[in-house]
């Protein structure tokens, strides 16, 4: 199970970095993508991955509690990821709020990777 969690966590980390790229592109170039052709399929793909990750993480933490990882953080990270996957495409999204959520997700995912690789 931990190998699967590691792979999904790395995939979410990649998505999180993609959110930042899309966000910067949207803000700098004012690029808008078609909601049904680009944004919705991407957000659905991210949501599917993040929900699978969330389920596995909760089971893992229940079976082997970690000192620096908690169930509440999983729900918060899941919410941030789902919001970021859509907000990244809109240039009017609050920059500070977006970046704070993005950094929070990055930090937590890297912490999980550290725990799993030890």
Protein backbone atom coordinates (compact mmCIF):
# COMPACT_ATOMS: atom_id res chain seq x y z
CA UNK A 1 0.00 0.00 0.00
CA UNK A 2 2.78 2.46 0.83
CA UNK A 3 4.27 2.07 -2.67
CA UNK A 4 0.91 2.98 -4.19
CA UNK A 5 0.60 5.97 -1.83
CA UNK A 6 4.10 7.08 -2.80
CA UNK A 7 3.24 6.95 -6.52
CA UNK A 8 -0.04 8.83 -6.05
CA UNK A 9 1.65 11.41 -3.82
CA UNK A 10 4.30 12.04 -6.48
CA UNK A 11 1.56 12.33 -9.10
CA UNK A 12 -0.28 14.90 -6.94
CA UNK A 13 2.99 16.77 -6.44
CA UNK A 14 3.36 16.92 -10.23
CA UNK A 15 -0.22 18.20 -10.55
CA UNK A 16 0.45 20.81 -7.87
CA UNK A 17 3.44 22.10 -9.83
CA UNK A 18 1.30 22.11 -12.98
CA UNK A 19 -1.30 24.23 -11.16
CA UNK A 20 1.38 26.84 -10.57
CA UNK A 21 2.44 26.80 -14.23
CA UNK A 22 -1.16 27.16 -15.44
CA UNK A 23 -1.77 29.93 -12.92
CA UNK A 24 1.32 31.89 -13.98
CA UNK A 25 0.40 31.45 -17.65
CA UNK A 26 -3.16 32.64 -17.02
CA UNK A 27 -1.95 35.71 -15.09
CA UNK A 28 0.90 36.70 -17.40
CA UNK A 29 -0.72 36.05 -20.75
CA UNK A 30 -4.37 36.35 -19.79
CA UNK A 31 -4.85 32.95 -21.40
CA UNK A 32 -8.29 31.46 -20.98
CA UNK A 33 -9.02 27.81 -21.65
CA UNK A 34 -12.32 26.27 -22.66
CA UNK A 35 -14.02 25.08 -19.49
CA UNK A 36 -15.57 21.90 -20.91
CA UNK A 37 -12.71 20.95 -23.22
CA UNK A 38 -9.71 21.65 -20.97
CA UNK A 39 -10.49 22.68 -17.39
CA UNK A 40 -13.22 20.19 -16.48
CA UNK A 41 -11.42 17.06 -17.80
CA UNK A 42 -8.22 18.13 -16.04
CA UNK A 43 -10.05 18.86 -12.77
CA UNK A 44 -11.86 15.51 -12.95
CA UNK A 45 -8.60 13.65 -13.53
CA UNK A 46 -7.01 15.43 -10.56
CA UNK A 47 -10.07 14.78 -8.39
CA UNK A 48 -10.07 11.08 -9.20
CA UNK A 49 -6.39 10.76 -8.30
CA UNK A 50 -6.70 12.87 -5.15
CA UNK A 51 -9.70 10.93 -3.85
CA UNK A 52 -7.94 7.61 -4.38
CA UNK A 53 -4.90 9.06 -2.60
CA UNK A 54 -7.06 10.35 0.27
CA UNK A 55 -8.65 6.95 0.87
CA UNK A 56 -5.30 5.16 0.89
CA UNK A 57 -3.72 7.80 3.12
CA UNK A 58 -6.51 7.61 5.70
CA UNK A 59 -6.24 3.82 5.85
CA UNK A 60 -2.47 4.01 6.14
CA UNK A 61 -2.57 6.57 8.95
CA UNK A 62 -5.19 4.59 10.85
CA UNK A 63 -3.07 1.44 10.62
CA UNK A 64 0.29 3.08 11.25
CA UNK A 65 0.02 6.53 12.85
CA UNK A 66 2.77 9.00 11.97
CA UNK A 67 4.19 11.66 14.23
CA UNK A 68 3.95 14.54 11.73
CA UNK A 69 1.01 13.47 9.59
CA UNK A 70 -2.63 13.73 10.67
CA UNK A 71 -6.03 12.87 9.20
CA UNK A 72 -7.18 16.52 9.21
CA UNK A 73 -4.24 17.43 6.96
CA UNK A 74 -5.43 14.93 4.36
CA UNK A 75 -8.86 16.56 4.14
CA UNK A 76 -7.35 20.05 3.97
CA UNK A 77 -4.89 19.00 1.27
CA UNK A 78 -7.66 17.29 -0.70
CA UNK A 79 -9.77 20.48 -0.58
CA UNK A 80 -6.83 22.63 -1.66
CA UNK A 81 -5.95 20.33 -4.56
CA UNK A 82 -9.51 20.29 -5.87
CA UNK A 83 -9.78 24.08 -5.65
CA UNK A 84 -6.36 24.70 -7.19
CA UNK A 85 -7.09 22.39 -10.13
CA UNK A 86 -9.80 24.83 -11.25
CA UNK A 87 -8.55 28.17 -9.91
CA UNK A 88 -5.22 27.73 -11.73
CA UNK A 89 -6.93 28.53 -15.03
CA UNK A 90 -8.48 31.82 -13.97
CA UNK A 91 -6.32 34.96 -13.97
CA UNK A 92 -8.61 36.75 -11.50
CA UNK A 93 -7.86 34.22 -8.76
CA UNK A 94 -6.28 35.84 -5.70
CA UNK A 95 -2.53 35.41 -6.12
CA UNK A 96 -1.64 35.28 -2.41
CA UNK A 97 -4.43 32.84 -1.61
CA UNK A 98 -3.53 30.62 -4.55
CA UNK A 99 0.18 30.61 -3.71
CA UNK A 100 -0.45 29.91 -0.01
CA UNK A 101 -2.64 26.91 -0.83
CA UNK A 102 -0.13 25.71 -3.42
CA UNK A 103 2.76 25.93 -0.91
CA UNK A 104 0.71 24.16 1.76
CA UNK A 105 -0.02 21.27 -0.60
CA UNK A 106 3.62 21.09 -1.71
CA UNK A 107 4.89 21.02 1.87
CA UNK A 108 2.49 18.29 2.99
CA UNK A 109 3.08 16.07 -0.05
CA UNK A 110 6.85 16.34 0.37
CA UNK A 111 6.46 15.45 4.04
CA UNK A 112 4.55 12.29 3.06
CA UNK A 113 7.24 11.34 0.56
CA UNK A 114 9.91 11.80 3.26
CA UNK A 115 7.97 9.59 5.69
CA UNK A 116 7.38 6.86 3.11
CA UNK A 117 10.95 6.80 1.87
CA UNK A 118 12.38 6.43 5.38
